[in-house]
Amino acid sequence: LEIDGTSVKAVREIDGGKETVSTSLPLVIGGQKGLVEESDLRIPNMRGIMMARQKPLTVAEPVATEAETSSVSFEKPAPKGAVKLVSPDNLDELVNLLHTEAKVI
């Protein structure tokens, strides 16, 4: 994650490579495992915890901004087809349906 003034550049891992995304501030980022290096994670000691309890907490009010997202299009998915139930005792019919109709075998 690189922040340069009012723009942000983020690199994320995708299947088969990495994707670079650039946008402007303000933004919200969600992260998962692997976002922080293991060497950057430290367990605080008791003295640090007790000192942090005494520091004042400054609460900042949020700034109202216009949302810059819009829906371009929305389509309902195609309806699902009919379901065929096959008896567990009738394996020959199941194999035949998987071969002829589903074409997975």
PDB file of N, CA and C in Angstrom:
ATOM      1  N   LEU A   1       0.851  -1.169   0.000  1.00  0.00           N
ATOM      2  CA  LEU A   1       0.000   0.000   0.000  1.00  0.00           C
ATOM      3  C   LEU A   1       0.894   1.228   0.000  1.00  0.00           C
ATOM      4  N   GLU A   2       0.750   2.067  -1.002  1.00  0.00           N
ATOM      5  CA  GLU A   2       1.533   3.299  -1.100  1.00  0.00           C
ATOM      6  C   GLU A   2       0.580   4.493  -1.141  1.00  0.00           C
ATOM      7  N   ILE A   3       0.782   5.440  -0.231  1.00  0.00           N
ATOM      8  CA  ILE A   3      -0.038   6.648  -0.189  1.00  0.00           C
ATOM      9  C   ILE A   3       0.834   7.814  -0.611  1.00  0.00           C
ATOM     10  N   ASP A   4       0.380   8.550  -1.642  1.00  0.00           N
ATOM     11  CA  ASP A   4       1.138   9.680  -2.169  1.00  0.00           C
ATOM     12  C   ASP A   4       0.211  10.894  -2.251  1.00  0.00           C
ATOM     13  N   GLY A   5       0.175  11.688  -1.195  1.00  0.00           N
ATOM     14  CA  GLY A   5      -0.687  12.871  -1.187  1.00  0.00           C
ATOM     15  C   GLY A   5      -2.150  12.489  -1.142  1.00  0.00           C
ATOM     16  N   THR A   6      -2.839  12.612  -2.285  1.00  0.00           N
ATOM     17  CA  THR A   6      -4.264  12.277  -2.335  1.00  0.00           C
ATOM     18  C   THR A   6      -4.544  11.012  -3.130  1.00  0.00           C
ATOM     19  N   SER A   7      -3.512  10.320  -3.599  1.00  0.00           N
ATOM     20  CA  SER A   7      -3.728   9.089  -4.357  1.00  0.00           C
ATOM     21  C   SER A   7      -3.146   7.899  -3.606  1.00  0.00           C
ATOM     22  N   VAL A   8      -3.714   6.734  -3.874  1.00  0.00           N
ATOM     23  CA  VAL A   8      -3.301   5.501  -3.220  1.00  0.00           C
ATOM     24  C   VAL A   8      -3.067   4.447  -4.285  1.00  0.00           C
ATOM     25  N   LYS A   9      -2.023   3.657  -4.098  1.00  0.00           N
ATOM     26  CA  LYS A   9      -1.705   2.567  -5.004  1.00  0.00           C
ATOM     27  C   LYS A   9      -1.580   1.306  -4.160  1.00  0.00           C
ATOM     28  N   ALA A  10      -2.390   0.291  -4.466  1.00  0.00           N
ATOM     29  CA  ALA A  10      -2.388  -0.954  -3.702  1.00  0.00           C
ATOM     30  C   ALA A  10      -2.124  -2.123  -4.637  1.00  0.00           C
ATOM     31  N   VAL A  11      -1.391  -3.105  -4.141  1.00  0.00           N
ATOM     32  CA  VAL A  11      -1.112  -4.322  -4.894  1.00  0.00           C
ATOM     33  C   VAL A  11      -1.769  -5.472  -4.152  1.00  0.00           C
ATOM     34  N   ARG A  12      -2.553  -6.269  -4.876  1.00  0.00           N
ATOM     35  CA  ARG A  12      -3.207  -7.414  -4.249  1.00  0.00           C
ATOM     36  C   ARG A  12      -2.921  -8.665  -5.057  1.00  0.00           C
ATOM     37  N   GLU A  13      -2.909  -9.795  -4.348  1.00  0.00           N
ATOM     38  CA  GLU A  13      -2.653 -11.067  -4.997  1.00  0.00           C
ATOM     39  C   GLU A  13      -3.948 -11.618  -5.574  1.00  0.00           C
ATOM     40  N   ILE A  14      -3.875 -12.080  -6.816  1.00  0.00           N
ATOM     41  CA  ILE A  14      -5.008 -12.724  -7.472  1.00  0.00           C
ATOM     42  C   ILE A  14      -4.520 -14.059  -8.018  1.00  0.00           C
ATOM     43  N   ASP A  15      -5.421 -14.859  -8.558  1.00  0.00           N
ATOM     44  CA  ASP A  15      -5.034 -16.142  -9.136  1.00  0.00           C
ATOM     45  C   ASP A  15      -4.071 -15.916 -10.288  1.00  0.00           C
ATOM     46  N   GLY A  16      -2.888 -16.443 -10.166  1.00  0.00           N
ATOM     47  CA  GLY A  16      -1.924 -16.355 -11.248  1.00  0.00           C
ATOM     48  C   GLY A  16      -1.119 -15.075 -11.282  1.00  0.00           C
ATOM     49  N   GLY A  17      -1.136 -14.252 -10.260  1.00  0.00           N
ATOM     50  CA  GLY A  17      -0.321 -13.042 -10.291  1.00  0.00           C
ATOM     51  C   GLY A  17      -0.742 -12.010  -9.278  1.00  0.00           C
ATOM     52  N   LYS A  18      -0.412 -10.762  -9.591  1.00  0.00           N
ATOM     53  CA  LYS A  18      -0.739  -9.644  -8.715  1.00  0.00           C
ATOM     54  C   LYS A  18      -1.440  -8.562  -9.526  1.00  0.00           C
ATOM     55  N   GLU A  19      -2.340  -7.838  -8.877  1.00  0.00           N
ATOM     56  CA  GLU A  19      -3.089  -6.763  -9.523  1.00  0.00           C
ATOM     57  C   GLU A  19      -2.781  -5.460  -8.792  1.00  0.00           C
ATOM     58  N   THR A  20      -2.493  -4.405  -9.554  1.00  0.00           N
ATOM     59  CA  THR A  20      -2.232  -3.091  -8.985  1.00  0.00           C
ATOM     60  C   THR A  20      -3.460  -2.222  -9.193  1.00  0.00           C
ATOM     61  N   VAL A  21      -3.950  -1.634  -8.104  1.00  0.00           N
ATOM     62  CA  VAL A  21      -5.141  -0.793  -8.147  1.00  0.00           C
ATOM     63  C   VAL A  21      -4.760   0.597  -7.674  1.00  0.00           C
ATOM     64  N   SER A  22      -5.146   1.633  -8.431  1.00  0.00           N
ATOM     65  CA  SER A  22      -4.886   3.021  -8.046  1.00  0.00           C
ATOM     66  C   SER A  22      -6.210   3.747  -7.875  1.00  0.00           C
ATOM     67  N   THR A  23      -6.302   4.568  -6.840  1.00  0.00           N
ATOM     68  CA  THR A  23      -7.512   5.342  -6.583  1.00  0.00           C
ATOM     69  C   THR A  23      -7.138   6.579  -5.784  1.00  0.00           C
ATOM     70  N   SER A  24      -8.137   7.401  -5.489  1.00  0.00           N
ATOM     71  CA  SER A  24      -7.871   8.620  -4.726  1.00  0.00           C
ATOM     72  C   SER A  24      -8.443   8.483  -3.318  1.00  0.00           C
ATOM     73  N   LEU A  25      -7.957   9.314  -2.428  1.00  0.00           N
ATOM     74  CA  LEU A  25      -8.452   9.332  -1.047  1.00  0.00           C
ATOM     75  C   LEU A  25      -9.755  10.101  -0.976  1.00  0.00           C
ATOM     76  N   PRO A  26     -10.638   9.878  -0.066  1.00  0.00           N
ATOM     77  CA  PRO A  26     -10.643   8.857   0.977  1.00  0.00           C
ATOM     78  C   PRO A  26     -11.068   7.509   0.426  1.00  0.00           C
ATOM     79  N   LEU A  27     -10.653   6.425   1.091  1.00  0.00           N
ATOM     80  CA  LEU A  27     -11.049   5.096   0.682  1.00  0.00           C
ATOM     81  C   LEU A  27     -11.057   4.170   1.885  1.00  0.00           C
ATOM     82  N   VAL A  28     -11.712   3.034   1.730  1.00  0.00           N
ATOM     83  CA  VAL A  28     -11.772   2.009   2.769  1.00  0.00           C
ATOM     84  C   VAL A  28     -11.178   0.744   2.189  1.00  0.00           C
ATOM     85  N   ILE A  29     -10.285   0.113   2.942  1.00  0.00           N
ATOM     86  CA  ILE A  29      -9.630  -1.109   2.485  1.00  0.00           C
ATOM     87  C   ILE A  29      -9.911  -2.216   3.486  1.00  0.00           C
ATOM     88  N   GLY A  30     -10.276  -3.375   2.994  1.00  0.00           N
ATOM     89  CA  GLY A  30     -10.446  -4.555   3.840  1.00  0.00           C
ATOM     90  C   GLY A  30      -9.288  -5.496   3.583  1.00  0.00           C
ATOM     91  N   GLY A  31      -8.796  -6.120   4.625  1.00  0.00           N
ATOM     92  CA  GLY A  31      -7.637  -6.989   4.472  1.00  0.00           C
ATOM     93  C   GLY A  31      -7.849  -8.344   5.100  1.00  0.00           C
ATOM     94  N   GLN A  32      -7.003  -9.280   4.687  1.00  0.00           N
ATOM     95  CA  GLN A  32      -7.032 -10.623   5.226  1.00  0.00           C
ATOM     96  C   GLN A  32      -5.636 -10.994   5.684  1.00  0.00           C
ATOM     97  N   LYS A  33      -5.468 -12.262   5.980  1.00  0.00           N
ATOM     98  CA  LYS A  33      -4.181 -12.772   6.431  1.00  0.00           C
ATOM     99  C   LYS A  33      -3.111 -12.463   5.384  1.00  0.00           C
ATOM    100  N   GLY A  34      -1.941 -12.079   5.845  1.00  0.00           N
ATOM    101  CA  GLY A  34      -0.847 -11.787   4.946  1.00  0.00           C
ATOM    102  C   GLY A  34      -0.692 -10.314   4.651  1.00  0.00           C
ATOM    103  N   LEU A  35      -1.539  -9.458   5.229  1.00  0.00           N
ATOM    104  CA  LEU A  35      -1.470  -8.024   4.976  1.00  0.00           C
ATOM    105  C   LEU A  35      -0.265  -7.397   5.661  1.00  0.00           C
ATOM    106  N   VAL A  36       0.113  -7.928   6.825  1.00  0.00           N
ATOM    107  CA  VAL A  36       1.226  -7.390   7.603  1.00  0.00           C
ATOM    108  C   VAL A  36       2.312  -8.455   7.692  1.00  0.00           C
ATOM    109  N   GLU A  37       3.556  -8.041   7.572  1.00  0.00           N
ATOM    110  CA  GLU A  37       4.677  -8.960   7.709  1.00  0.00           C
ATOM    111  C   GLU A  37       4.729  -9.497   9.138  1.00  0.00           C
ATOM    112  N   GLU A  38       5.159 -10.743   9.283  1.00  0.00           N
ATOM    113  CA  GLU A  38       5.250 -11.354  10.613  1.00  0.00           C
ATOM    114  C   GLU A  38       6.216 -10.591  11.511  1.00  0.00           C
ATOM    115  N   SER A  39       7.273 -10.005  10.935  1.00  0.00           N
ATOM    116  CA  SER A  39       8.257  -9.284  11.744  1.00  0.00           C
ATOM    117  C   SER A  39       7.680  -7.986  12.313  1.00  0.00           C
ATOM    118  N   ASP A  40       6.610  -7.453  11.709  1.00  0.00           N
ATOM    119  CA  ASP A  40       5.999  -6.213  12.188  1.00  0.00           C
ATOM    120  C   ASP A  40       5.033  -6.441  13.345  1.00  0.00           C
ATOM    121  N   LEU A  41       4.651  -7.687  13.581  1.00  0.00           N
ATOM    122  CA  LEU A  41       3.711  -7.993  14.654  1.00  0.00           C
ATOM    123  C   LEU A  41       4.475  -8.185  15.956  1.00  0.00           C
ATOM    124  N   ARG A  42       4.149  -7.399  16.947  1.00  0.00           N
ATOM    125  CA  ARG A  42       4.801  -7.502  18.251  1.00  0.00           C
ATOM    126  C   ARG A  42       3.730  -7.512  19.332  1.00  0.00           C
ATOM    127  N   ILE A  43       3.938  -8.318  20.340  1.00  0.00           N
ATOM    128  CA  ILE A  43       3.025  -8.351  21.476  1.00  0.00           C
ATOM    129  C   ILE A  43       3.476  -7.266  22.451  1.00  0.00           C
ATOM    130  N   PRO A  44       2.593  -6.333  22.807  1.00  0.00           N
ATOM    131  CA  PRO A  44       3.003  -5.258  23.717  1.00  0.00           C
ATOM    132  C   PRO A  44       3.257  -5.799  25.124  1.00  0.00           C
ATOM    133  N   ASN A  45       4.187  -5.141  25.821  1.00  0.00           N
ATOM    134  CA  ASN A  45       4.456  -5.557  27.198  1.00  0.00           C
ATOM    135  C   ASN A  45       3.474  -4.863  28.143  1.00  0.00           C
ATOM    136  N   MET A  46       3.449  -5.290  29.384  1.00  0.00           N
ATOM    137  CA  MET A  46       2.489  -4.776  30.364  1.00  0.00           C
ATOM    138  C   MET A  46       2.700  -3.290  30.632  1.00  0.00           C
ATOM    139  N   ARG A  47       3.934  -2.838  30.660  1.00  0.00           N
ATOM    140  CA  ARG A  47       4.211  -1.417  30.921  1.00  0.00           C
ATOM    141  C   ARG A  47       3.604  -0.546  29.818  1.00  0.00           C
ATOM    142  N   GLY A  48       3.765  -0.972  28.567  1.00  0.00           N
ATOM    143  CA  GLY A  48       3.201  -0.223  27.448  1.00  0.00           C
ATOM    144  C   GLY A  48       1.683  -0.179  27.488  1.00  0.00           C
ATOM    145  N   ILE A  49       1.065  -1.283  27.899  1.00  0.00           N
ATOM    146  CA  ILE A  49      -0.396  -1.330  27.996  1.00  0.00           C
ATOM    147  C   ILE A  49      -0.887  -0.365  29.067  1.00  0.00           C
ATOM    148  N   MET A  50      -0.236  -0.358  30.217  1.00  0.00           N
ATOM    149  CA  MET A  50      -0.655   0.519  31.310  1.00  0.00           C
ATOM    150  C   MET A  50      -0.443   1.992  30.957  1.00  0.00           C
ATOM    151  N   MET A  51       0.632   2.310  30.239  1.00  0.00           N
ATOM    152  CA  MET A  51       0.874   3.700  29.835  1.00  0.00           C
ATOM    153  C   MET A  51      -0.160   4.148  28.801  1.00  0.00           C
ATOM    154  N   ALA A  52      -0.566   3.234  27.927  1.00  0.00           N
ATOM    155  CA  ALA A  52      -1.554   3.580  26.904  1.00  0.00           C
ATOM    156  C   ALA A  52      -2.914   3.874  27.524  1.00  0.00           C
ATOM    157  N   ARG A  53      -3.228   3.265  28.645  1.00  0.00           N
ATOM    158  CA  ARG A  53      -4.509   3.510  29.313  1.00  0.00           C
ATOM    159  C   ARG A  53      -4.609   4.932  29.841  1.00  0.00           C
ATOM    160  N   GLN A  54      -3.460   5.569  30.133  1.00  0.00           N
ATOM    161  CA  GLN A  54      -3.454   6.904  30.711  1.00  0.00           C
ATOM    162  C   GLN A  54      -3.461   8.002  29.653  1.00  0.00           C
ATOM    163  N   LYS A  55      -3.161   7.668  28.404  1.00  0.00           N
ATOM    164  CA  LYS A  55      -3.116   8.686  27.356  1.00  0.00           C
ATOM    165  C   LYS A  55      -4.528   9.102  26.966  1.00  0.00           C
ATOM    166  N   PRO A  56      -4.717  10.384  26.649  1.00  0.00           N
ATOM    167  CA  PRO A  56      -6.055  10.837  26.237  1.00  0.00           C
ATOM    168  C   PRO A  56      -6.415  10.284  24.853  1.00  0.00           C
ATOM    169  N   LEU A  57      -7.681  10.018  24.673  1.00  0.00           N
ATOM    170  CA  LEU A  57      -8.182   9.499  23.411  1.00  0.00           C
ATOM    171  C   LEU A  57      -8.910  10.617  22.679  1.00  0.00           C
ATOM    172  N   THR A  58      -8.413  10.981  21.503  1.00  0.00           N
ATOM    173  CA  THR A  58      -9.022  12.038  20.709  1.00  0.00           C
ATOM    174  C   THR A  58     -10.004  11.410  19.723  1.00  0.00           C
ATOM    175  N   VAL A  59     -11.247  11.848  19.774  1.00  0.00           N
ATOM    176  CA  VAL A  59     -12.276  11.330  18.877  1.00  0.00           C
ATOM    177  C   VAL A  59     -12.531  12.379  17.805  1.00  0.00           C
ATOM    178  N   ALA A  60     -12.341  11.994  16.548  1.00  0.00           N
ATOM    179  CA  ALA A  60     -12.555  12.912  15.431  1.00  0.00           C
ATOM    180  C   ALA A  60     -13.926  12.655  14.826  1.00  0.00           C
ATOM    181  N   GLU A  61     -14.626  13.705  14.483  1.00  0.00           N
ATOM    182  CA  GLU A  61     -15.933  13.589  13.844  1.00  0.00           C
ATOM    183  C   GLU A  61     -15.740  13.237  12.369  1.00  0.00           C
ATOM    184  N   PRO A  62     -16.588  12.387  11.811  1.00  0.00           N
ATOM    185  CA  PRO A  62     -16.455  12.031  10.398  1.00  0.00           C
ATOM    186  C   PRO A  62     -16.835  13.198   9.491  1.00  0.00           C
ATOM    187  N   VAL A  63     -16.224  13.227   8.330  1.00  0.00           N
ATOM    188  CA  VAL A  63     -16.508  14.262   7.344  1.00  0.00           C
ATOM    189  C   VAL A  63     -17.522  13.699   6.354  1.00  0.00           C
ATOM    190  N   ALA A  64     -18.589  14.431   6.119  1.00  0.00           N
ATOM    191  CA  ALA A  64     -19.616  13.984   5.176  1.00  0.00           C
ATOM    192  C   ALA A  64     -19.110  14.188   3.753  1.00  0.00           C
ATOM    193  N   THR A  65     -19.073  13.108   2.986  1.00  0.00           N
ATOM    194  CA  THR A  65     -18.648  13.184   1.590  1.00  0.00           C
ATOM    195  C   THR A  65     -19.684  12.504   0.713  1.00  0.00           C
ATOM    196  N   GLU A  66     -19.679  12.852  -0.546  1.00  0.00           N
ATOM    197  CA  GLU A  66     -20.580  12.235  -1.516  1.00  0.00           C
ATOM    198  C   GLU A  66     -20.014  10.881  -1.934  1.00  0.00           C
ATOM    199  N   ALA A  67     -20.869   9.895  -2.067  1.00  0.00           N
ATOM    200  CA  ALA A  67     -20.439   8.585  -2.537  1.00  0.00           C
ATOM    201  C   ALA A  67     -20.159   8.666  -4.032  1.00  0.00           C
ATOM    202  N   GLU A  68     -19.037   8.110  -4.445  1.00  0.00           N
ATOM    203  CA  GLU A  68     -18.656   8.174  -5.850  1.00  0.00           C
ATOM    204  C   GLU A  68     -18.890   6.854  -6.567  1.00  0.00           C
ATOM    205  N   THR A  69     -19.774   6.034  -6.045  1.00  0.00           N
ATOM    206  CA  THR A  69     -20.079   4.777  -6.704  1.00  0.00           C
ATOM    207  C   THR A  69     -21.470   4.846  -7.310  1.00  0.00           C
ATOM    208  N   SER A  70     -21.649   4.140  -8.395  1.00  0.00           N
ATOM    209  CA  SER A  70     -22.957   4.079  -9.038  1.00  0.00           C
ATOM    210  C   SER A  70     -23.105   2.723  -9.710  1.00  0.00           C
ATOM    211  N   SER A  71     -24.333   2.262  -9.835  1.00  0.00           N
ATOM    212  CA  SER A  71     -24.599   0.997 -10.504  1.00  0.00           C
ATOM    213  C   SER A  71     -24.719   1.248 -11.994  1.00  0.00           C
ATOM    214  N   VAL A  72     -23.917   0.544 -12.766  1.00  0.00           N
ATOM    215  CA  VAL A  72     -23.952   0.692 -14.216  1.00  0.00           C
ATOM    216  C   VAL A  72     -25.067  -0.162 -14.796  1.00  0.00           C
ATOM    217  N   SER A  73     -25.158  -1.411 -14.331  1.00  0.00           N
ATOM    218  CA  SER A  73     -26.231  -2.279 -14.798  1.00  0.00           C
ATOM    219  C   SER A  73     -26.476  -3.363 -13.762  1.00  0.00           C
ATOM    220  N   PHE A  74     -27.651  -3.942 -13.835  1.00  0.00           N
ATOM    221  CA  PHE A  74     -28.026  -5.017 -12.931  1.00  0.00           C
ATOM    222  C   PHE A  74     -28.856  -6.010 -13.716  1.00  0.00           C
ATOM    223  N   GLU A  75     -28.449  -7.267 -13.680  1.00  0.00           N
ATOM    224  CA  GLU A  75     -29.178  -8.313 -14.382  1.00  0.00           C
ATOM    225  C   GLU A  75     -29.416  -9.474 -13.435  1.00  0.00           C
ATOM    226  N   LYS A  76     -30.614 -10.021 -13.501  1.00  0.00           N
ATOM    227  CA  LYS A  76     -30.915 -11.199 -12.697  1.00  0.00           C
ATOM    228  C   LYS A  76     -30.259 -12.413 -13.347  1.00  0.00           C
ATOM    229  N   PRO A  77     -29.803 -13.372 -12.539  1.00  0.00           N
ATOM    230  CA  PRO A  77     -29.224 -14.579 -13.126  1.00  0.00           C
ATOM    231  C   PRO A  77     -30.292 -15.415 -13.815  1.00  0.00           C
ATOM    232  N   ALA A  78     -29.860 -16.249 -14.729  1.00  0.00           N
ATOM    233  CA  ALA A  78     -30.789 -17.113 -15.453  1.00  0.00           C
ATOM    234  C   ALA A  78     -31.432 -18.090 -14.473  1.00  0.00           C
ATOM    235  N   PRO A  79     -32.711 -18.407 -14.677  1.00  0.00           N
ATOM    236  CA  PRO A  79     -33.365 -19.345 -13.762  1.00  0.00           C
ATOM    237  C   PRO A  79     -32.734 -20.729 -13.856  1.00  0.00           C
ATOM    238  N   LYS A  80     -32.731 -21.431 -12.738  1.00  0.00           N
ATOM    239  CA  LYS A  80     -32.148 -22.768 -12.704  1.00  0.00           C
ATOM    240  C   LYS A  80     -33.082 -23.747 -13.395  1.00  0.00           C
ATOM    241  N   GLY A  81     -32.484 -24.775 -13.974  1.00  0.00           N
ATOM    242  CA  GLY A  81     -33.264 -25.791 -14.665  1.00  0.00           C
ATOM    243  C   GLY A  81     -33.928 -26.748 -13.694  1.00  0.00           C
ATOM    244  N   ALA A  82     -34.668 -27.681 -14.249  1.00  0.00           N
ATOM    245  CA  ALA A  82     -35.374 -28.666 -13.435  1.00  0.00           C
ATOM    246  C   ALA A  82     -34.375 -29.617 -12.783  1.00  0.00           C
ATOM    247  N   VAL A  83     -34.759 -30.156 -11.660  1.00  0.00           N
ATOM    248  CA  VAL A  83     -33.910 -31.076 -10.909  1.00  0.00           C
ATOM    249  C   VAL A  83     -34.406 -32.494 -11.131  1.00  0.00           C
ATOM    250  N   LYS A  84     -33.469 -33.409 -11.371  1.00  0.00           N
ATOM    251  CA  LYS A  84     -33.825 -34.818 -11.504  1.00  0.00           C
ATOM    252  C   LYS A  84     -33.272 -35.558 -10.299  1.00  0.00           C
ATOM    253  N   LEU A  85     -34.150 -36.222  -9.584  1.00  0.00           N
ATOM    254  CA  LEU A  85     -33.732 -37.021  -8.444  1.00  0.00           C
ATOM    255  C   LEU A  85     -33.530 -38.456  -8.900  1.00  0.00           C
ATOM    256  N   VAL A  86     -32.379 -39.010  -8.529  1.00  0.00           N
ATOM    257  CA  VAL A  86     -32.057 -40.385  -8.895  1.00  0.00           C
ATOM    258  C   VAL A  86     -31.931 -41.188  -7.615  1.00  0.00           C
ATOM    259  N   SER A  87     -32.532 -42.339  -7.612  1.00  0.00           N
ATOM    260  CA  SER A  87     -32.478 -43.214  -6.442  1.00  0.00           C
ATOM    261  C   SER A  87     -31.039 -43.657  -6.193  1.00  0.00           C
ATOM    262  N   PRO A  88     -30.609 -43.737  -4.938  1.00  0.00           N
ATOM    263  CA  PRO A  88     -29.238 -44.178  -4.658  1.00  0.00           C
ATOM    264  C   PRO A  88     -28.972 -45.613  -5.101  1.00  0.00           C
ATOM    265  N   ASP A  89     -30.029 -46.391  -5.281  1.00  0.00           N
ATOM    266  CA  ASP A  89     -29.862 -47.776  -5.719  1.00  0.00           C
ATOM    267  C   ASP A  89     -29.692 -47.882  -7.227  1.00  0.00           C
ATOM    268  N   ASN A  90     -30.000 -46.841  -7.980  1.00  0.00           N
ATOM    269  CA  ASN A  90     -29.977 -46.882  -9.435  1.00  0.00           C
ATOM    270  C   ASN A  90     -28.739 -46.147  -9.967  1.00  0.00           C
ATOM    271  N   LEU A  91     -27.559 -46.731  -9.783  1.00  0.00           N
ATOM    272  CA  LEU A  91     -26.314 -46.094 -10.203  1.00  0.00           C
ATOM    273  C   LEU A  91     -26.165 -46.037 -11.719  1.00  0.00           C
ATOM    274  N   ASP A  92     -26.708 -47.019 -12.432  1.00  0.00           N
ATOM    275  CA  ASP A  92     -26.593 -47.018 -13.892  1.00  0.00           C
ATOM    276  C   ASP A  92     -27.282 -45.797 -14.494  1.00  0.00           C
ATOM    277  N   GLU A  93     -28.452 -45.453 -13.985  1.00  0.00           N
ATOM    278  CA  GLU A  93     -29.168 -44.271 -14.479  1.00  0.00           C
ATOM    279  C   GLU A  93     -28.396 -42.993 -14.151  1.00  0.00           C
ATOM    280  N   LEU A  94     -27.803 -42.930 -12.953  1.00  0.00           N
ATOM    281  CA  LEU A  94     -27.017 -41.761 -12.559  1.00  0.00           C
ATOM    282  C   LEU A  94     -25.827 -41.570 -13.487  1.00  0.00           C
ATOM    283  N   VAL A  95     -25.098 -42.639 -13.766  1.00  0.00           N
ATOM    284  CA  VAL A  95     -23.941 -42.548 -14.665  1.00  0.00           C
ATOM    285  C   VAL A  95     -24.394 -42.146 -16.057  1.00  0.00           C
ATOM    286  N   ASN A  96     -25.506 -42.684 -16.524  1.00  0.00           N
ATOM    287  CA  ASN A  96     -26.020 -42.338 -17.850  1.00  0.00           C
ATOM    288  C   ASN A  96     -26.401 -40.861 -17.922  1.00  0.00           C
ATOM    289  N   LEU A  97     -27.067 -40.331 -16.885  1.00  0.00           N
ATOM    290  CA  LEU A  97     -27.443 -38.913 -16.874  1.00  0.00           C
ATOM    291  C   LEU A  97     -26.212 -38.009 -16.823  1.00  0.00           C
ATOM    292  N   LEU A  98     -25.229 -38.371 -16.018  1.00  0.00           N
ATOM    293  CA  LEU A  98     -24.002 -37.572 -15.943  1.00  0.00           C
ATOM    294  C   LEU A  98     -23.250 -37.583 -17.272  1.00  0.00           C
ATOM    295  N   HIS A  99     -23.341 -38.692 -18.002  1.00  0.00           N
ATOM    296  CA  HIS A  99     -22.638 -38.792 -19.280  1.00  0.00           C
ATOM    297  C   HIS A  99     -23.387 -38.095 -20.417  1.00  0.00           C
ATOM    298  N   THR A 100     -24.694 -38.285 -20.507  1.00  0.00           N
ATOM    299  CA  THR A 100     -25.437 -37.762 -21.657  1.00  0.00           C
ATOM    300  C   THR A 100     -25.941 -36.337 -21.460  1.00  0.00           C
ATOM    301  N   GLU A 101     -26.481 -36.024 -20.286  1.00  0.00           N
ATOM    302  CA  GLU A 101     -27.079 -34.700 -20.089  1.00  0.00           C
ATOM    303  C   GLU A 101     -26.104 -33.685 -19.506  1.00  0.00           C
ATOM    304  N   ALA A 102     -25.416 -34.060 -18.436  1.00  0.00           N
ATOM    305  CA  ALA A 102     -24.506 -33.110 -17.793  1.00  0.00           C
ATOM    306  C   ALA A 102     -23.165 -33.048 -18.512  1.00  0.00           C
ATOM    307  N   LYS A 103     -22.801 -34.123 -19.216  1.00  0.00           N
ATOM    308  CA  LYS A 103     -21.535 -34.214 -19.962  1.00  0.00           C
ATOM    309  C   LYS A 103     -20.333 -33.900 -19.073  1.00  0.00           C
ATOM    310  N   VAL A 104     -20.336 -34.514 -17.887  1.00  0.00           N
ATOM    311  CA  VAL A 104     -19.212 -34.348 -16.974  1.00  0.00           C
ATOM    312  C   VAL A 104     -18.346 -35.600 -16.914  1.00  0.00           C
ATOM    313  N   ILE A 105     -18.824 -36.694 -17.486  1.00  0.00           N
ATOM    314  CA  ILE A 105     -18.026 -37.926 -17.525  1.00  0.00           C
ATOM    315  C   ILE A 105     -17.757 -38.261 -18.975  1.00  0.00           C
TER     316      ILE A 105
END
